[in-house]
Amino acid sequence: MRQAKITAYAKINLVLDVLRKREDGYHEVAMVMQAVDLSDTIRLKEADRNWITTNNRHIPMNMNNLAMRAVTLMQREFPGKVPKIEVSLEKHIPVSAGMAGGSTDCAGVMLGINKMCNLDLTRKELELLAAQLGSDIPFCIGGPTALATGRGEIIEPLPDCPELHLVIVKPPFGISTPKVYGNLRADEIVEHPDVQACIRGLEAKDKQRILDAMGNVLEESTFELQPKVKTIKNGMSACGAKHVLMSGSGPTVFAAFAEKAEAEVYYNQLKPQYPGAILTRTVNKEQLEERVDLYDQRT
C-alpha cells in the first residue's frame, strides 16, 4: 500500500448570496467560491486502526473530526478496498475562520484515499459522496473556482480566476455558522450581490470586474452577532483597501487586490495593527491537479 501526501487549500467567497430559506431548514444560496494558496498538509498511510494526529490542539483527535469521518465514509462505501488509515494533519489554515479548513481536510482525505486505494472515482462521484458530510466539501473536491448553489453542495466549475492577491485577517475568535444563518432575515434582504457580474468577470479574465462584483449578504448578520468583525472590516478599509469582504459566515475578513505589489504594500501597512495577517493569492486548476502525491509506504 502506498502513502499519500495531500495539499488541502482554503477557500474564500468572492460572492455569497442567500436567495431564500428552504422548507428543509437550509438556505438556498448562490456563491462564487475560490481556492487560495493557504493550505493544510495531510499524510495518509495504512495502519492497524483508524486514528489521527495533528499539530493543532483545537482540532478534535477523534472520529468527530471531518477528516476521520471521510475515512469511515470511504471504508463504508468501499468495504475491503480501503484499509484502516492513519491521518497526520498539519494545520496552517486558521480554525473556525469561514475558510473551509475542516471541509478541505475532509476533501483532501477523500482525494488521497481515492488515489491510494485505486478506487478510480471521478470528481463528480467524489463530490456526490462528499455532500453527505457537508455543504462546502464538494467544492473542496473540485474547485478552484466554482458556482455553488442549492445549500452549497451543487458545484458548477467556472473559468480560472485571474490571479488576485489577498490580505487575510482572522480574529482570535470563531463564530457559529448555524447562528449566522439563523440570525439572517432572508426575506428582508434588499440588496443582493450580482453573482452573474462576477461570473462574467471571470469569463472575461477581468480582474476589476471581479473585484467590483464582490459581496456577501451574511455580513450584517455576523456583524450583529459579533460587532468586532465589522470593526475589523472598517479598519481594513481605512488602511487603504477598496475591496474588503468577510469570507463565508466569518469571522475572517480579506482585502483583495489585482496586483501583487499593491497587496504587499498594504500588507506591510496592516501588519502592525493585525500581526496575524496573511498575504496569499488565488489558486488555479494546474495547482489543484498536483494536490495528491503518492509514494511507497515504508515499514
C-alpha atoms as a PDB file:
ATOM      1  CA  MET A   1       0.000   0.000   0.000  1.00  0.00           C
ATOM      2  CA  ARG A   2       1.287   3.443  -0.899  1.00  0.00           C
ATOM      3  CA  GLN A   3       1.196   6.549   1.277  1.00  0.00           C
ATOM      4  CA  ALA A   4      -0.373   9.820   0.191  1.00  0.00           C
ATOM      5  CA  LYS A   5       0.543  13.424   0.864  1.00  0.00           C
ATOM      6  CA  ILE A   6      -2.205  15.937   0.092  1.00  0.00           C
ATOM      7  CA  THR A   7      -2.202  19.726  -0.079  1.00  0.00           C
ATOM      8  CA  ALA A   8      -5.610  20.943   1.138  1.00  0.00           C
ATOM      9  CA  TYR A   9      -6.336  24.523   0.066  1.00  0.00           C
ATOM     10  CA  ALA A  10      -8.509  27.034   1.933  1.00  0.00           C
ATOM     11  CA  LYS A  11     -11.294  28.962   0.215  1.00  0.00           C
ATOM     12  CA  ILE A  12     -12.860  32.382   0.220  1.00  0.00           C
ATOM     13  CA  ASN A  13     -16.176  33.543  -1.186  1.00  0.00           C
ATOM     14  CA  LEU A  14     -15.898  36.180  -3.878  1.00  0.00           C
ATOM     15  CA  VAL A  15     -19.690  36.418  -3.798  1.00  0.00           C
ATOM     16  CA  LEU A  16     -22.164  34.950  -1.310  1.00  0.00           C
ATOM     17  CA  ASP A  17     -25.872  35.476  -1.842  1.00  0.00           C
ATOM     18  CA  VAL A  18     -28.779  33.915   0.045  1.00  0.00           C
ATOM     19  CA  LEU A  19     -31.944  33.595  -2.011  1.00  0.00           C
ATOM     20  CA  ARG A  20     -34.439  32.153   0.466  1.00  0.00           C
ATOM     21  CA  LYS A  21     -34.924  29.803   3.391  1.00  0.00           C
ATOM     22  CA  ARG A  22     -35.885  26.328   2.233  1.00  0.00           C
ATOM     23  CA  GLU A  23     -38.542  24.019   3.646  1.00  0.00           C
ATOM     24  CA  ASP A  24     -35.807  21.643   4.871  1.00  0.00           C
ATOM     25  CA  GLY A  25     -34.380  24.387   7.110  1.00  0.00           C
ATOM     26  CA  TYR A  26     -31.360  25.111   4.936  1.00  0.00           C
ATOM     27  CA  HIS A  27     -30.916  28.306   2.923  1.00  0.00           C
ATOM     28  CA  GLU A  28     -30.839  28.451  -0.878  1.00  0.00           C
ATOM     29  CA  VAL A  29     -27.546  30.096  -1.793  1.00  0.00           C
ATOM     30  CA  ALA A  30     -25.592  31.250  -4.828  1.00  0.00           C
ATOM     31  CA  MET A  31     -21.862  31.593  -4.164  1.00  0.00           C
ATOM     32  CA  VAL A  32     -18.748  32.117  -6.228  1.00  0.00           C
ATOM     33  CA  MET A  33     -16.126  30.177  -4.290  1.00  0.00           C
ATOM     34  CA  GLN A  34     -12.385  30.451  -4.826  1.00  0.00           C
ATOM     35  CA  ALA A  35      -9.469  28.368  -3.560  1.00  0.00           C
ATOM     36  CA  VAL A  36      -6.488  30.277  -2.156  1.00  0.00           C
ATOM     37  CA  ASP A  37      -2.842  29.433  -1.622  1.00  0.00           C
ATOM     38  CA  LEU A  38      -3.140  28.835   2.114  1.00  0.00           C
ATOM     39  CA  SER A  39      -3.149  25.137   2.867  1.00  0.00           C
ATOM     40  CA  ASP A  40      -3.004  22.269   5.319  1.00  0.00           C
ATOM     41  CA  THR A  41      -0.808  19.240   4.677  1.00  0.00           C
ATOM     42  CA  ILE A  42      -2.344  15.781   5.117  1.00  0.00           C
ATOM     43  CA  ARG A  43      -0.463  12.489   5.168  1.00  0.00           C
ATOM     44  CA  LEU A  44      -2.249   9.140   4.917  1.00  0.00           C
ATOM     45  CA  LYS A  45      -0.890   5.661   5.479  1.00  0.00           C
ATOM     46  CA  GLU A  46      -2.221   2.198   6.187  1.00  0.00           C
ATOM     47  CA  ALA A  47      -2.403   1.397   9.898  1.00  0.00           C
ATOM     48  CA  ASP A  48      -3.783  -1.192  12.315  1.00  0.00           C
ATOM     49  CA  ARG A  49      -6.581   1.197  13.342  1.00  0.00           C
ATOM     50  CA  ASN A  50      -8.155   4.477  12.256  1.00  0.00           C
ATOM     51  CA  TRP A  51      -6.525   7.374  14.073  1.00  0.00           C
ATOM     52  CA  ILE A  52      -5.388  10.961  13.645  1.00  0.00           C
ATOM     53  CA  THR A  53      -2.521  13.144  14.816  1.00  0.00           C
ATOM     54  CA  THR A  54      -2.341  16.915  14.431  1.00  0.00           C
ATOM     55  CA  ASN A  55      -0.191  19.894  15.364  1.00  0.00           C
ATOM     56  CA  ASN A  56      -3.241  21.937  16.428  1.00  0.00           C
ATOM     57  CA  ARG A  57      -4.680  21.448  19.906  1.00  0.00           C
ATOM     58  CA  HIS A  58      -8.037  22.901  18.839  1.00  0.00           C
ATOM     59  CA  ILE A  59      -8.665  20.015  16.428  1.00  0.00           C
ATOM     60  CA  PRO A  60     -10.592  17.026  17.840  1.00  0.00           C
ATOM     61  CA  MET A  61      -8.438  13.920  17.579  1.00  0.00           C
ATOM     62  CA  ASN A  62     -11.368  11.514  17.349  1.00  0.00           C
ATOM     63  CA  MET A  63     -13.971  10.295  14.912  1.00  0.00           C
ATOM     64  CA  ASN A  64     -15.880  13.606  15.139  1.00  0.00           C
ATOM     65  CA  ASN A  65     -13.129  15.186  13.075  1.00  0.00           C
ATOM     66  CA  LEU A  66     -14.300  15.679   9.488  1.00  0.00           C
ATOM     67  CA  ALA A  67     -11.085  14.108   8.189  1.00  0.00           C
ATOM     68  CA  MET A  68     -11.833  10.926  10.138  1.00  0.00           C
ATOM     69  CA  ARG A  69     -15.465  10.963   9.063  1.00  0.00           C
ATOM     70  CA  ALA A  70     -14.134  10.948   5.485  1.00  0.00           C
ATOM     71  CA  VAL A  71     -12.086   7.835   6.297  1.00  0.00           C
ATOM     72  CA  THR A  72     -15.070   5.949   7.710  1.00  0.00           C
ATOM     73  CA  LEU A  73     -17.305   7.046   4.808  1.00  0.00           C
ATOM     74  CA  MET A  74     -14.837   5.690   2.261  1.00  0.00           C
ATOM     75  CA  GLN A  75     -14.434   2.443   4.231  1.00  0.00           C
ATOM     76  CA  ARG A  76     -18.202   2.011   4.418  1.00  0.00           C
ATOM     77  CA  GLU A  77     -18.702   2.736   0.703  1.00  0.00           C
ATOM     78  CA  PHE A  78     -15.803   0.526  -0.446  1.00  0.00           C
ATOM     79  CA  PRO A  79     -15.510  -2.381   2.010  1.00  0.00           C
ATOM     80  CA  GLY A  80     -12.403  -4.483   1.525  1.00  0.00           C
ATOM     81  CA  LYS A  81     -10.760  -1.835  -0.652  1.00  0.00           C
ATOM     82  CA  VAL A  82      -9.995   0.861   1.944  1.00  0.00           C
ATOM     83  CA  PRO A  83      -7.828  -0.294   4.882  1.00  0.00           C
ATOM     84  CA  LYS A  84      -7.531   1.260   8.322  1.00  0.00           C
ATOM     85  CA  ILE A  85      -5.894   4.663   7.907  1.00  0.00           C
ATOM     86  CA  GLU A  86      -3.628   6.866   9.996  1.00  0.00           C
ATOM     87  CA  VAL A  87      -4.203  10.565   9.226  1.00  0.00           C
ATOM     88  CA  SER A  88      -1.476  13.088  10.020  1.00  0.00           C
ATOM     89  CA  LEU A  89      -2.840  16.630   9.792  1.00  0.00           C
ATOM     90  CA  GLU A  90      -0.550  19.652   9.713  1.00  0.00           C
ATOM     91  CA  LYS A  91      -2.781  22.709  10.151  1.00  0.00           C
ATOM     92  CA  HIS A  92      -1.974  26.114   8.678  1.00  0.00           C
ATOM     93  CA  ILE A  93      -5.493  27.268   7.763  1.00  0.00           C
ATOM     94  CA  PRO A  94      -6.993  29.119  10.741  1.00  0.00           C
ATOM     95  CA  VAL A  95      -9.627  27.150  12.656  1.00  0.00           C
ATOM     96  CA  SER A  96     -13.256  28.385  12.700  1.00  0.00           C
ATOM     97  CA  ALA A  97     -12.407  31.016  10.115  1.00  0.00           C
ATOM     98  CA  GLY A  98     -15.058  30.709   7.387  1.00  0.00           C
ATOM     99  CA  MET A  99     -12.344  29.404   5.051  1.00  0.00           C
ATOM    100  CA  ALA A 100     -13.439  25.738   4.848  1.00  0.00           C
ATOM    101  CA  GLY A 101     -10.461  24.460   6.861  1.00  0.00           C
ATOM    102  CA  GLY A 102     -12.301  21.363   8.097  1.00  0.00           C
ATOM    103  CA  SER A 103     -14.061  20.826   4.779  1.00  0.00           C
ATOM    104  CA  THR A 104     -10.858  20.974   2.719  1.00  0.00           C
ATOM    105  CA  ASP A 105      -9.163  18.492   5.066  1.00  0.00           C
ATOM    106  CA  CYS A 106     -12.131  16.161   4.635  1.00  0.00           C
ATOM    107  CA  ALA A 107     -11.956  16.541   0.849  1.00  0.00           C
ATOM    108  CA  GLY A 108      -8.193  16.004   0.914  1.00  0.00           C
ATOM    109  CA  VAL A 109      -8.605  12.694   2.755  1.00  0.00           C
ATOM    110  CA  MET A 110     -11.176  11.533   0.197  1.00  0.00           C
ATOM    111  CA  LEU A 111      -8.938  12.531  -2.716  1.00  0.00           C
ATOM    112  CA  GLY A 112      -5.955  10.804  -1.114  1.00  0.00           C
ATOM    113  CA  ILE A 113      -7.820   7.563  -0.410  1.00  0.00           C
ATOM    114  CA  ASN A 114      -9.233   7.545  -3.953  1.00  0.00           C
ATOM    115  CA  LYS A 115      -5.703   7.507  -5.395  1.00  0.00           C
ATOM    116  CA  MET A 116      -4.033   5.463  -2.659  1.00  0.00           C
ATOM    117  CA  CYS A 117      -6.552   2.656  -2.966  1.00  0.00           C
ATOM    118  CA  ASN A 118      -7.004   2.851  -6.767  1.00  0.00           C
ATOM    119  CA  LEU A 119     -10.747   3.479  -6.494  1.00  0.00           C
ATOM    120  CA  ASP A 120     -10.764   5.484  -9.761  1.00  0.00           C
ATOM    121  CA  LEU A 121     -13.698   7.648  -8.723  1.00  0.00           C
ATOM    122  CA  THR A 122     -14.421  10.666 -10.899  1.00  0.00           C
ATOM    123  CA  ARG A 123     -14.524  14.171  -9.456  1.00  0.00           C
ATOM    124  CA  LYS A 124     -18.326  14.172  -9.753  1.00  0.00           C
ATOM    125  CA  GLU A 125     -18.606  10.824  -7.940  1.00  0.00           C
ATOM    126  CA  LEU A 126     -16.405  12.136  -5.141  1.00  0.00           C
ATOM    127  CA  GLU A 127     -18.466  15.334  -4.925  1.00  0.00           C
ATOM    128  CA  LEU A 128     -21.676  13.323  -4.507  1.00  0.00           C
ATOM    129  CA  LEU A 129     -20.089  11.307  -1.696  1.00  0.00           C
ATOM    130  CA  ALA A 130     -18.664  14.448  -0.108  1.00  0.00           C
ATOM    131  CA  ALA A 131     -22.105  16.099   0.016  1.00  0.00           C
ATOM    132  CA  GLN A 132     -23.071  13.522   2.668  1.00  0.00           C
ATOM    133  CA  LEU A 133     -20.591  15.132   5.061  1.00  0.00           C
ATOM    134  CA  GLY A 134     -21.002  18.880   4.483  1.00  0.00           C
ATOM    135  CA  SER A 135     -22.017  21.620   2.070  1.00  0.00           C
ATOM    136  CA  ASP A 136     -18.539  23.063   1.384  1.00  0.00           C
ATOM    137  CA  ILE A 137     -16.809  19.713   0.863  1.00  0.00           C
ATOM    138  CA  PRO A 138     -17.894  19.129  -2.780  1.00  0.00           C
ATOM    139  CA  PHE A 139     -16.313  22.468  -3.741  1.00  0.00           C
ATOM    140  CA  CYS A 140     -13.103  21.463  -1.967  1.00  0.00           C
ATOM    141  CA  ILE A 141     -13.072  18.249  -4.013  1.00  0.00           C
ATOM    142  CA  GLY A 142     -13.361  20.239  -7.238  1.00  0.00           C
ATOM    143  CA  GLY A 143     -12.619  23.940  -7.402  1.00  0.00           C
ATOM    144  CA  PRO A 144     -10.589  26.031  -7.674  1.00  0.00           C
ATOM    145  CA  THR A 145     -13.273  28.462  -8.920  1.00  0.00           C
ATOM    146  CA  ALA A 146     -16.917  27.431  -8.912  1.00  0.00           C
ATOM    147  CA  LEU A 147     -20.521  28.478  -8.583  1.00  0.00           C
ATOM    148  CA  ALA A 148     -22.128  26.747  -5.600  1.00  0.00           C
ATOM    149  CA  THR A 149     -25.931  26.586  -5.454  1.00  0.00           C
ATOM    150  CA  GLY A 150     -28.604  24.630  -3.572  1.00  0.00           C
ATOM    151  CA  ARG A 151     -27.418  24.593   0.031  1.00  0.00           C
ATOM    152  CA  GLY A 152     -23.896  24.952  -1.355  1.00  0.00           C
ATOM    153  CA  GLU A 153     -23.386  21.359  -2.465  1.00  0.00           C
ATOM    154  CA  ILE A 154     -24.251  21.771  -6.186  1.00  0.00           C
ATOM    155  CA  ILE A 155     -20.975  22.722  -7.837  1.00  0.00           C
ATOM    156  CA  GLU A 156     -20.586  24.182 -11.331  1.00  0.00           C
ATOM    157  CA  PRO A 157     -16.962  24.795 -12.377  1.00  0.00           C
ATOM    158  CA  LEU A 158     -16.119  28.302 -13.533  1.00  0.00           C
ATOM    159  CA  PRO A 159     -13.142  29.613 -15.510  1.00  0.00           C
ATOM    160  CA  ASP A 160      -9.953  30.087 -13.508  1.00  0.00           C
ATOM    161  CA  CYS A 161      -9.879  33.362 -11.641  1.00  0.00           C
ATOM    162  CA  PRO A 162      -7.076  35.594 -12.934  1.00  0.00           C
ATOM    163  CA  GLU A 163      -4.542  35.808 -10.118  1.00  0.00           C
ATOM    164  CA  LEU A 164      -5.761  38.051  -7.309  1.00  0.00           C
ATOM    165  CA  HIS A 165      -3.685  38.879  -4.235  1.00  0.00           C
ATOM    166  CA  LEU A 166      -5.241  38.765  -0.801  1.00  0.00           C
ATOM    167  CA  VAL A 167      -4.506  40.012   2.679  1.00  0.00           C
ATOM    168  CA  ILE A 168      -6.430  37.920   5.198  1.00  0.00           C
ATOM    169  CA  VAL A 169      -7.199  38.746   8.828  1.00  0.00           C
ATOM    170  CA  LYS A 170      -8.605  36.046  11.110  1.00  0.00           C
ATOM    171  CA  PRO A 171      -9.610  37.470  14.513  1.00  0.00           C
ATOM    172  CA  PRO A 172      -8.863  35.454  17.667  1.00  0.00           C
ATOM    173  CA  PHE A 173     -12.403  34.082  17.948  1.00  0.00           C
ATOM    174  CA  GLY A 174     -14.799  31.984  15.922  1.00  0.00           C
ATOM    175  CA  ILE A 175     -18.474  32.309  15.097  1.00  0.00           C
ATOM    176  CA  SER A 176     -21.178  29.697  14.618  1.00  0.00           C
ATOM    177  CA  THR A 177     -22.308  29.307  11.021  1.00  0.00           C
ATOM    178  CA  PRO A 178     -25.750  27.967  12.076  1.00  0.00           C
ATOM    179  CA  LYS A 179     -26.196  31.020  14.323  1.00  0.00           C
ATOM    180  CA  VAL A 180     -25.280  33.390  11.480  1.00  0.00           C
ATOM    181  CA  TYR A 181     -27.816  31.782   9.144  1.00  0.00           C
ATOM    182  CA  GLY A 182     -30.358  31.565  11.966  1.00  0.00           C
ATOM    183  CA  ASN A 183     -29.971  35.297  12.596  1.00  0.00           C
ATOM    184  CA  LEU A 184     -30.383  36.105   8.891  1.00  0.00           C
ATOM    185  CA  ARG A 185     -33.726  37.509   7.779  1.00  0.00           C
ATOM    186  CA  ALA A 186     -33.566  36.313   4.181  1.00  0.00           C
ATOM    187  CA  ASP A 187     -36.919  37.815   3.206  1.00  0.00           C
ATOM    188  CA  GLU A 188     -35.736  41.266   4.322  1.00  0.00           C
ATOM    189  CA  ILE A 189     -32.584  41.385   2.177  1.00  0.00           C
ATOM    190  CA  VAL A 190     -32.942  44.443  -0.041  1.00  0.00           C
ATOM    191  CA  GLU A 191     -29.648  44.464  -1.925  1.00  0.00           C
ATOM    192  CA  HIS A 192     -28.232  41.242  -3.326  1.00  0.00           C
ATOM    193  CA  PRO A 193     -24.721  40.957  -4.786  1.00  0.00           C
ATOM    194  CA  ASP A 194     -24.535  40.382  -8.532  1.00  0.00           C
ATOM    195  CA  VAL A 195     -23.360  36.798  -8.900  1.00  0.00           C
ATOM    196  CA  GLN A 196     -23.655  36.902 -12.695  1.00  0.00           C
ATOM    197  CA  ALA A 197     -21.484  40.040 -12.891  1.00  0.00           C
ATOM    198  CA  CYS A 198     -18.732  38.150 -11.074  1.00  0.00           C
ATOM    199  CA  ILE A 199     -19.101  35.195 -13.437  1.00  0.00           C
ATOM    200  CA  ARG A 200     -18.905  37.483 -16.461  1.00  0.00           C
ATOM    201  CA  GLY A 201     -15.740  38.990 -14.985  1.00  0.00           C
ATOM    202  CA  LEU A 202     -14.244  35.513 -14.619  1.00  0.00           C
ATOM    203  CA  GLU A 203     -15.174  34.617 -18.199  1.00  0.00           C
ATOM    204  CA  ALA A 204     -13.542  37.831 -19.442  1.00  0.00           C
ATOM    205  CA  LYS A 205     -10.483  37.418 -17.168  1.00  0.00           C
ATOM    206  CA  ASP A 206     -11.257  40.957 -16.000  1.00  0.00           C
ATOM    207  CA  LYS A 207      -9.842  41.447 -12.510  1.00  0.00           C
ATOM    208  CA  GLN A 208     -11.549  44.782 -11.945  1.00  0.00           C
ATOM    209  CA  ARG A 209     -14.992  43.448 -12.818  1.00  0.00           C
ATOM    210  CA  ILE A 210     -14.469  40.553 -10.417  1.00  0.00           C
ATOM    211  CA  LEU A 211     -13.352  42.843  -7.600  1.00  0.00           C
ATOM    212  CA  ASP A 212     -16.245  45.246  -8.184  1.00  0.00           C
ATOM    213  CA  ALA A 213     -18.766  42.380  -8.042  1.00  0.00           C
ATOM    214  CA  MET A 214     -17.628  41.068  -4.644  1.00  0.00           C
ATOM    215  CA  GLY A 215     -20.327  40.900  -1.968  1.00  0.00           C
ATOM    216  CA  ASN A 216     -21.595  38.847   0.989  1.00  0.00           C
ATOM    217  CA  VAL A 217     -25.152  39.104   2.350  1.00  0.00           C
ATOM    218  CA  LEU A 218     -24.154  37.314   5.574  1.00  0.00           C
ATOM    219  CA  GLU A 219     -22.042  40.255   6.732  1.00  0.00           C
ATOM    220  CA  GLU A 220     -24.831  42.154   8.514  1.00  0.00           C
ATOM    221  CA  SER A 221     -25.995  39.028  10.338  1.00  0.00           C
ATOM    222  CA  THR A 222     -22.451  38.303  11.518  1.00  0.00           C
ATOM    223  CA  PHE A 223     -21.882  41.941  12.479  1.00  0.00           C
ATOM    224  CA  GLU A 224     -24.977  41.822  14.699  1.00  0.00           C
ATOM    225  CA  LEU A 225     -23.729  38.717  16.467  1.00  0.00           C
ATOM    226  CA  GLN A 226     -20.089  39.815  16.665  1.00  0.00           C
ATOM    227  CA  PRO A 227     -19.562  43.573  16.143  1.00  0.00           C
ATOM    228  CA  LYS A 228     -15.771  43.153  16.264  1.00  0.00           C
ATOM    229  CA  VAL A 229     -15.905  41.651  12.754  1.00  0.00           C
ATOM    230  CA  LYS A 230     -17.405  44.910  11.452  1.00  0.00           C
ATOM    231  CA  THR A 231     -14.701  46.837  13.312  1.00  0.00           C
ATOM    232  CA  ILE A 232     -12.029  44.766  11.575  1.00  0.00           C
ATOM    233  CA  LYS A 233     -13.615  45.285   8.155  1.00  0.00           C
ATOM    234  CA  ASN A 234     -13.846  49.037   8.712  1.00  0.00           C
ATOM    235  CA  GLY A 235     -10.248  49.130   9.950  1.00  0.00           C
ATOM    236  CA  MET A 236      -9.000  47.266   6.900  1.00  0.00           C
ATOM    237  CA  SER A 237     -10.858  49.643   4.594  1.00  0.00           C
ATOM    238  CA  ALA A 238      -9.436  52.620   6.453  1.00  0.00           C
ATOM    239  CA  CYS A 239      -5.922  51.314   5.751  1.00  0.00           C
ATOM    240  CA  GLY A 240      -6.486  51.893   2.048  1.00  0.00           C
ATOM    241  CA  ALA A 241      -8.115  48.758   0.621  1.00  0.00           C
ATOM    242  CA  LYS A 242     -11.007  49.342  -1.803  1.00  0.00           C
ATOM    243  CA  HIS A 243     -12.272  45.764  -1.863  1.00  0.00           C
ATOM    244  CA  VAL A 244     -12.727  44.273   1.622  1.00  0.00           C
ATOM    245  CA  LEU A 245     -15.116  41.392   2.333  1.00  0.00           C
ATOM    246  CA  MET A 246     -15.943  38.872   5.014  1.00  0.00           C
ATOM    247  CA  SER A 247     -15.397  35.273   3.910  1.00  0.00           C
ATOM    248  CA  GLY A 248     -18.307  32.861   4.328  1.00  0.00           C
ATOM    249  CA  SER A 249     -20.074  33.344   7.659  1.00  0.00           C
ATOM    250  CA  GLY A 250     -16.917  34.865   9.112  1.00  0.00           C
ATOM    251  CA  PRO A 251     -15.155  35.901  11.153  1.00  0.00           C
ATOM    252  CA  THR A 252     -12.278  36.099   8.617  1.00  0.00           C
ATOM    253  CA  VAL A 253     -12.073  39.299   6.568  1.00  0.00           C
ATOM    254  CA  PHE A 254      -9.921  39.761   3.472  1.00  0.00           C
ATOM    255  CA  ALA A 255      -8.777  42.597   1.232  1.00  0.00           C
ATOM    256  CA  ALA A 256      -8.381  41.755  -2.472  1.00  0.00           C
ATOM    257  CA  PHE A 257      -6.018  43.362  -4.985  1.00  0.00           C
ATOM    258  CA  ALA A 258      -5.372  42.984  -8.694  1.00  0.00           C
ATOM    259  CA  GLU A 259      -1.609  43.425  -8.360  1.00  0.00           C
ATOM    260  CA  LYS A 260       0.915  41.732  -6.074  1.00  0.00           C
ATOM    261  CA  ALA A 261       2.914  44.915  -5.400  1.00  0.00           C
ATOM    262  CA  GLU A 262      -0.207  46.738  -4.240  1.00  0.00           C
ATOM    263  CA  ALA A 263      -1.108  43.870  -1.901  1.00  0.00           C
ATOM    264  CA  GLU A 264       2.422  43.765  -0.453  1.00  0.00           C
ATOM    265  CA  VAL A 265       2.397  47.486   0.341  1.00  0.00           C
ATOM    266  CA  TYR A 266      -0.994  47.146   2.020  1.00  0.00           C
ATOM    267  CA  TYR A 267       0.113  44.033   3.948  1.00  0.00           C
ATOM    268  CA  ASN A 268       3.132  45.877   5.375  1.00  0.00           C
ATOM    269  CA  GLN A 269       0.905  48.767   6.410  1.00  0.00           C
ATOM    270  CA  LEU A 270      -1.644  46.454   8.040  1.00  0.00           C
ATOM    271  CA  LYS A 271       0.773  44.097   9.808  1.00  0.00           C
ATOM    272  CA  PRO A 272       1.468  46.357  12.853  1.00  0.00           C
ATOM    273  CA  GLN A 273      -2.271  46.590  13.548  1.00  0.00           C
ATOM    274  CA  TYR A 274      -3.027  42.933  12.770  1.00  0.00           C
ATOM    275  CA  PRO A 275       0.157  40.874  13.426  1.00  0.00           C
ATOM    276  CA  GLY A 276      -1.549  37.656  12.320  1.00  0.00           C
ATOM    277  CA  ALA A 277      -2.417  38.980   8.848  1.00  0.00           C
ATOM    278  CA  ILE A 278      -1.702  36.576   5.974  1.00  0.00           C
ATOM    279  CA  LEU A 279      -0.600  37.521   2.453  1.00  0.00           C
ATOM    280  CA  THR A 280      -1.669  34.999  -0.175  1.00  0.00           C
ATOM    281  CA  ARG A 281      -3.165  34.643  -3.674  1.00  0.00           C
ATOM    282  CA  THR A 282      -5.778  32.727  -5.614  1.00  0.00           C
ATOM    283  CA  VAL A 283      -5.131  29.198  -6.904  1.00  0.00           C
ATOM    284  CA  ASN A 284      -5.653  27.865 -10.436  1.00  0.00           C
ATOM    285  CA  LYS A 285      -6.569  24.456 -11.867  1.00  0.00           C
ATOM    286  CA  GLU A 286      -2.963  23.499 -12.570  1.00  0.00           C
ATOM    287  CA  GLN A 287      -2.056  23.840  -8.898  1.00  0.00           C
ATOM    288  CA  LEU A 288      -5.051  21.759  -7.828  1.00  0.00           C
ATOM    289  CA  GLU A 289      -4.146  18.942 -10.205  1.00  0.00           C
ATOM    290  CA  GLU A 290      -0.923  18.467  -8.216  1.00  0.00           C
ATOM    291  CA  ARG A 291      -2.615  18.206  -4.801  1.00  0.00           C
ATOM    292  CA  VAL A 292      -2.055  14.484  -4.233  1.00  0.00           C
ATOM    293  CA  ASP A 293       1.410  12.934  -4.138  1.00  0.00           C
ATOM    294  CA  LEU A 294       1.736   9.133  -3.830  1.00  0.00           C
ATOM    295  CA  TYR A 295       4.837   7.312  -2.637  1.00  0.00           C
ATOM    296  CA  ASP A 296       5.761   3.838  -1.391  1.00  0.00           C
ATOM    297  CA  GLN A 297       4.965   3.084   2.237  1.00  0.00           C
ATOM    298  CA  ARG A 298       7.989   2.153   4.304  1.00  0.00           C
ATOM    299  CA  THR A 299       7.667  -0.306   7.127  1.00  0.00           C
END
